[in-house]
Every structure is written in structure tokens, then in C-alpha cells.
Amino acid sequence: MKALCSALVALSILALAGCGTDALNTTNRPAANVSKVMSSTKAMTYKTYTNPRFGFSVEYPAGWRVGPRPTDGDGRWFTTPSGVESFDNGYGSTVPKTDVILQAVGTINTVSGSGNGYNFAQMVDLFKKNLQDEHNQPGFISESYSVVPNRWIVVNLITKVGTSGIQYSKTYVSLHTNQTITMTFPTNKRTLYLPIWDYVSQKFQPGNKPG
């Protein structure tokens, strides 16, 4: 399961094109703990995106731009309004260097899932065996995980990206799917964006659909 979590983001970013009917709830939700983000003195509000293919839901800042629906329906990405200071976000030429990126995406577990003959205990054992490989990947900073018996491995990963970016991700791994939320922002702006990450990562709800 080498690079299982971090690879999901790079893979899905290439597929984000087209348009569709994913559920975007326009009800704003206050979150006072991120009230000073983006130089605002008002409490930030959030909208909810629900993915129809995998069933997960994520809250995102109401003022951020919503990316197009990918043709395979695997997720969405959200970026800061234009005018944010440029930084190397590690996404190459397809994503502007001025974008702080929040992404939620699902993929089929083709590595250690039931389709490969694994049961839950075997999936967990394989994950543990490959932890060191993950830690040896370029840019690795830290990783932690917890196991929800017979449901999920919940993986939290922090990596360096590009020359000046940092990426936080949280992945729910099941026998059927990998469901990931990721946020990439300038390393020197952690105090600004970490409150947003803390909020959205805690609010992220994985789905039960097989994908």
C-alpha cells in the first residue's frame, strides 16, 4: 500500500474536469474558531458539498471558489479567491500558484480491498507493514492513524509539497474505498490556514457507498 494516501490527491487532481450535479448545500454555517482567516474580523461561514458517488460530505469556506465536477464524479476541489499571495503548491501548471487548495475525493481501494481478497484484519496488517515505505517518501513530515474496527483505517498525513507548500490530508480507508480530504497552503501561513483545516477535517464525513 505504498504511498496509498498521498497518491490519491495527485491522481484525482488530473481528473477534475467537466460539470455535473453534485450536491452543493448553500446553507452557511458559522465557525467562530476561524474568524480571523483571510484578514476578516467576522466569523467564517461554510457550505457543504456532498458527493453522490461515494456519499462523503465536506464543509468548505463559503467565499472559496468551487472547482468543476470531474467526469467520473470522484470529488471536488475548492480554492481561495483570487489575489492570494503566490506559492509553489506542488500541482504543476494545471493549478494556479496563487491557489490554496481544499480537495475531497474518493477512489476505489484496488490495493488492499475486498476485491483483492483481503478481509479487514489483513488490510490493517498490510497497512502497518507499509508504514515505513510511506515515511520514506519525499517530503514526508509526519503520519498518525487510528483503526475503527471492521470499518476504517483513519490516516492523518503531513507532507511538504513544491518548494514552499505544506499539505495536510485525512484518509478513511475501507475494504471498498479510500475517501480523502486534503488541504495545501503556504508553509509560512500555517497559523492562518490551520484553523480552517482543523475545522473541515473534523467535519469531514465519509460515505458508505461502494463508489
Protein backbone atom coordinates (compact mmCIF):
# COMPACT_ATOMS: atom_id res chain seq x y z
CA MET A 1 0.00 0.00 0.00
CA LYS A 2 2.95 2.26 -0.72
CA ALA A 3 2.07 5.94 -0.84
CA LEU A 4 -1.60 4.99 -0.51
CA CYS A 5 -2.79 8.27 0.98
CA SER A 6 -0.64 10.92 -0.67
CA ALA A 7 -1.06 9.40 -4.14
CA LEU A 8 -4.82 9.84 -4.04
CA VAL A 9 -4.62 13.60 -4.27
CA ALA A 10 -2.22 13.74 -7.21
CA LEU A 11 -4.27 11.16 -9.07
CA SER A 12 -7.61 12.87 -8.60
CA ILE A 13 -6.47 16.40 -9.44
CA LEU A 14 -5.91 15.31 -13.04
CA ALA A 15 -9.50 14.12 -13.36
CA LEU A 16 -11.24 17.31 -12.24
CA ALA A 17 -12.93 18.50 -15.41
CA GLY A 18 -16.46 18.82 -16.79
CA CYS A 19 -19.67 19.80 -15.00
CA GLY A 20 -22.47 17.98 -13.22
CA THR A 21 -24.98 17.81 -10.39
CA ASP A 22 -23.07 17.09 -7.18
CA ALA A 23 -24.97 18.33 -4.14
CA LEU A 24 -23.77 21.75 -3.00
CA ASN A 25 -25.64 22.91 0.09
CA THR A 26 -25.65 26.71 0.17
CA THR A 27 -26.58 26.98 3.84
CA ASN A 28 -23.86 28.94 5.62
CA ARG A 29 -22.54 27.58 8.88
CA PRO A 30 -20.72 29.78 11.40
CA ALA A 31 -17.37 28.68 12.83
CA ALA A 32 -16.05 31.26 15.28
CA ASN A 33 -12.73 29.49 15.75
CA VAL A 34 -11.59 30.55 12.27
CA SER A 35 -12.93 34.09 12.45
CA LYS A 36 -9.64 35.82 11.58
CA VAL A 37 -8.76 33.79 8.49
CA MET A 38 -8.25 35.81 5.30
CA SER A 39 -7.95 39.03 7.35
CA SER A 40 -11.65 39.03 8.20
CA THR A 41 -12.93 40.03 11.63
CA LYS A 42 -16.20 38.22 11.05
CA ALA A 43 -16.83 34.54 11.80
CA MET A 44 -16.19 32.43 8.70
CA THR A 45 -19.16 30.64 7.22
CA TYR A 46 -19.17 27.31 5.42
CA LYS A 47 -21.12 25.49 2.75
CA THR A 48 -21.48 21.73 2.42
CA TYR A 49 -20.55 19.60 -0.57
CA THR A 50 -21.93 16.03 -0.72
CA ASN A 51 -20.53 13.57 -3.21
CA PRO A 52 -23.19 11.36 -4.82
CA ARG A 53 -20.81 8.62 -5.92
CA PHE A 54 -19.11 7.84 -2.59
CA GLY A 55 -21.51 9.57 -0.21
CA PHE A 56 -18.96 11.66 1.71
CA SER A 57 -19.59 15.27 2.70
CA VAL A 58 -17.21 18.13 3.38
CA GLU A 59 -17.66 21.70 4.56
CA TYR A 60 -15.72 24.40 2.74
CA PRO A 61 -15.37 28.18 3.25
CA ALA A 62 -18.36 29.91 1.67
CA GLY A 63 -16.21 32.50 -0.09
CA TRP A 64 -13.97 29.98 -1.84
CA ARG A 65 -14.32 29.01 -5.49
CA VAL A 66 -15.79 25.60 -6.38
CA GLY A 67 -13.95 23.58 -9.00
CA PRO A 68 -15.76 21.76 -11.83
CA ARG A 69 -17.26 18.34 -11.35
CA PRO A 70 -14.98 15.58 -12.70
CA THR A 71 -16.42 13.25 -15.32
CA ASP A 72 -16.05 10.23 -13.02
CA GLY A 73 -17.72 12.02 -10.10
CA ASP A 74 -14.92 11.23 -7.63
CA GLY A 75 -14.94 14.57 -5.78
CA ARG A 76 -14.44 18.33 -5.89
CA TRP A 77 -11.79 20.89 -5.11
CA PHE A 78 -12.14 24.37 -3.66
CA THR A 79 -9.69 27.25 -3.89
CA THR A 80 -9.15 30.61 -2.25
CA PRO A 81 -10.42 33.73 -4.04
CA SER A 82 -8.02 35.33 -6.50
CA GLY A 83 -5.39 37.68 -5.13
CA VAL A 84 -3.86 35.32 -2.56
CA GLU A 85 -0.06 35.51 -2.38
CA SER A 86 1.59 33.14 -4.87
CA PHE A 87 3.34 30.00 -3.60
CA ASP A 88 4.52 26.68 -5.05
CA ASN A 89 1.59 24.37 -4.30
CA GLY A 90 3.20 21.36 -5.99
CA TYR A 91 0.39 20.84 -8.51
CA GLY A 92 2.26 21.87 -11.63
CA SER A 93 0.87 24.11 -14.35
CA THR A 94 -2.71 22.83 -14.08
CA VAL A 95 -3.38 24.71 -10.83
CA PRO A 96 -2.52 28.41 -10.37
CA LYS A 97 0.28 29.09 -7.91
CA THR A 98 -1.94 31.57 -6.11
CA ASP A 99 -4.43 28.92 -5.03
CA VAL A 100 -4.73 27.46 -1.57
CA ILE A 101 -6.46 24.15 -2.31
CA LEU A 102 -9.01 22.15 -0.34
CA GLN A 103 -9.88 18.86 -2.00
CA ALA A 104 -12.23 15.99 -1.20
CA VAL A 105 -12.02 12.87 -3.31
CA GLY A 106 -12.90 9.18 -3.30
CA THR A 107 -11.24 6.26 -5.07
CA ILE A 108 -11.75 2.51 -5.17
CA ASN A 109 -9.42 0.55 -2.90
CA THR A 110 -7.64 -1.52 -5.54
CA VAL A 111 -4.60 -2.25 -3.35
CA SER A 112 -5.80 -3.90 -0.15
CA GLY A 113 -9.57 -4.16 -0.61
CA SER A 114 -12.03 -6.99 -0.69
CA GLY A 115 -11.67 -7.15 -4.46
CA ASN A 116 -8.11 -8.37 -3.88
CA GLY A 117 -9.26 -10.99 -1.39
CA TYR A 118 -8.42 -9.09 1.82
CA ASN A 119 -10.51 -9.05 4.95
CA PHE A 120 -10.36 -6.11 7.36
CA ALA A 121 -7.67 -7.58 9.63
CA GLN A 122 -5.47 -8.38 6.64
CA MET A 123 -5.95 -4.86 5.29
CA VAL A 124 -4.79 -3.38 8.61
CA ASP A 125 -1.77 -5.71 8.73
CA LEU A 126 -0.73 -4.69 5.22
CA PHE A 127 -1.10 -1.02 6.09
CA LYS A 128 1.15 -1.42 9.13
CA LYS A 129 3.76 -3.32 7.14
CA ASN A 130 3.99 -0.50 4.62
CA LEU A 131 4.19 2.40 7.07
CA GLN A 132 7.94 2.73 6.73
CA ASP A 133 7.68 2.94 2.95
CA GLU A 134 5.26 5.83 3.39
CA HIS A 135 7.66 7.55 5.79
CA ASN A 136 10.48 7.28 3.25
CA GLN A 137 8.53 9.17 0.58
CA PRO A 138 9.90 12.61 -0.45
CA GLY A 139 8.54 15.44 1.64
CA PHE A 140 7.24 13.24 4.46
CA ILE A 141 6.78 15.14 7.75
CA SER A 142 4.51 13.06 9.97
CA GLU A 143 1.77 10.43 9.97
CA SER A 144 -0.67 9.07 12.51
CA TYR A 145 -3.54 6.63 12.24
CA SER A 146 -6.36 5.02 14.15
CA VAL A 147 -8.47 1.93 13.44
CA VAL A 148 -12.25 1.83 13.63
CA PRO A 149 -12.84 -1.95 13.89
CA ASN A 150 -14.32 -3.51 10.76
CA ARG A 151 -14.91 -0.08 9.19
CA TRP A 152 -11.95 2.24 8.61
CA ILE A 153 -8.29 2.95 8.94
CA VAL A 154 -8.18 6.72 9.52
CA VAL A 155 -4.85 8.15 8.34
CA ASN A 156 -3.56 11.67 9.02
CA LEU A 157 -0.57 12.66 6.89
CA ILE A 158 1.51 15.85 6.62
CA THR A 159 3.94 16.35 3.73
CA LYS A 160 5.96 19.10 2.10
CA VAL A 161 4.89 19.94 -1.46
CA GLY A 162 6.60 22.05 -4.11
CA THR A 163 9.22 24.41 -2.71
CA SER A 164 7.07 26.37 -0.28
CA GLY A 165 3.90 24.41 0.36
CA ILE A 166 2.64 22.03 3.01
CA GLN A 167 -0.15 19.51 2.63
CA TYR A 168 -2.41 18.06 5.31
CA SER A 169 -4.56 15.05 4.48
CA LYS A 170 -7.03 12.77 6.23
CA THR A 171 -7.99 9.49 4.57
CA TYR A 172 -10.64 6.94 5.52
CA VAL A 173 -9.54 3.57 4.13
CA SER A 174 -12.10 0.76 3.93
CA LEU A 175 -12.22 -2.59 2.16
CA HIS A 176 -14.02 -0.85 -0.70
CA THR A 177 -12.89 2.77 -0.93
CA ASN A 178 -10.36 5.44 0.05
CA GLN A 179 -12.00 8.77 0.94
CA THR A 180 -9.63 11.69 1.40
CA ILE A 181 -9.76 15.34 2.34
CA THR A 182 -6.62 17.37 1.65
CA MET A 183 -5.56 20.97 2.13
CA THR A 184 -2.46 22.57 0.60
CA PHE A 185 -1.23 26.02 1.59
CA PRO A 186 1.99 28.05 2.06
CA THR A 187 4.22 26.73 4.82
CA ASN A 188 4.69 30.22 6.21
CA LYS A 189 0.91 30.71 6.51
CA ARG A 190 0.18 27.81 8.83
CA THR A 191 -1.24 29.98 11.59
CA LEU A 192 -3.68 31.42 9.06
CA TYR A 193 -4.90 28.22 7.42
CA LEU A 194 -4.56 25.54 10.11
CA PRO A 195 -7.77 26.68 11.86
CA ILE A 196 -9.64 26.07 8.60
CA TRP A 197 -8.02 22.65 8.19
CA ASP A 198 -8.81 21.70 11.78
CA TYR A 199 -12.45 22.61 11.25
CA VAL A 200 -13.04 20.97 7.86
CA SER A 201 -11.08 17.82 8.68
CA GLN A 202 -13.12 17.31 11.85
CA LYS A 203 -16.37 17.91 9.95
CA PHE A 204 -15.48 15.58 7.07
CA GLN A 205 -17.96 12.70 6.94
CA PRO A 206 -17.00 9.58 4.93
CA GLY A 207 -19.73 7.87 2.96
CA ASN A 208 -20.86 4.25 2.83
CA LYS A 209 -21.37 3.95 -0.92
CA PRO A 210 -19.13 1.46 -2.78
CA GLY A 211 -18.16 4.03 -5.44
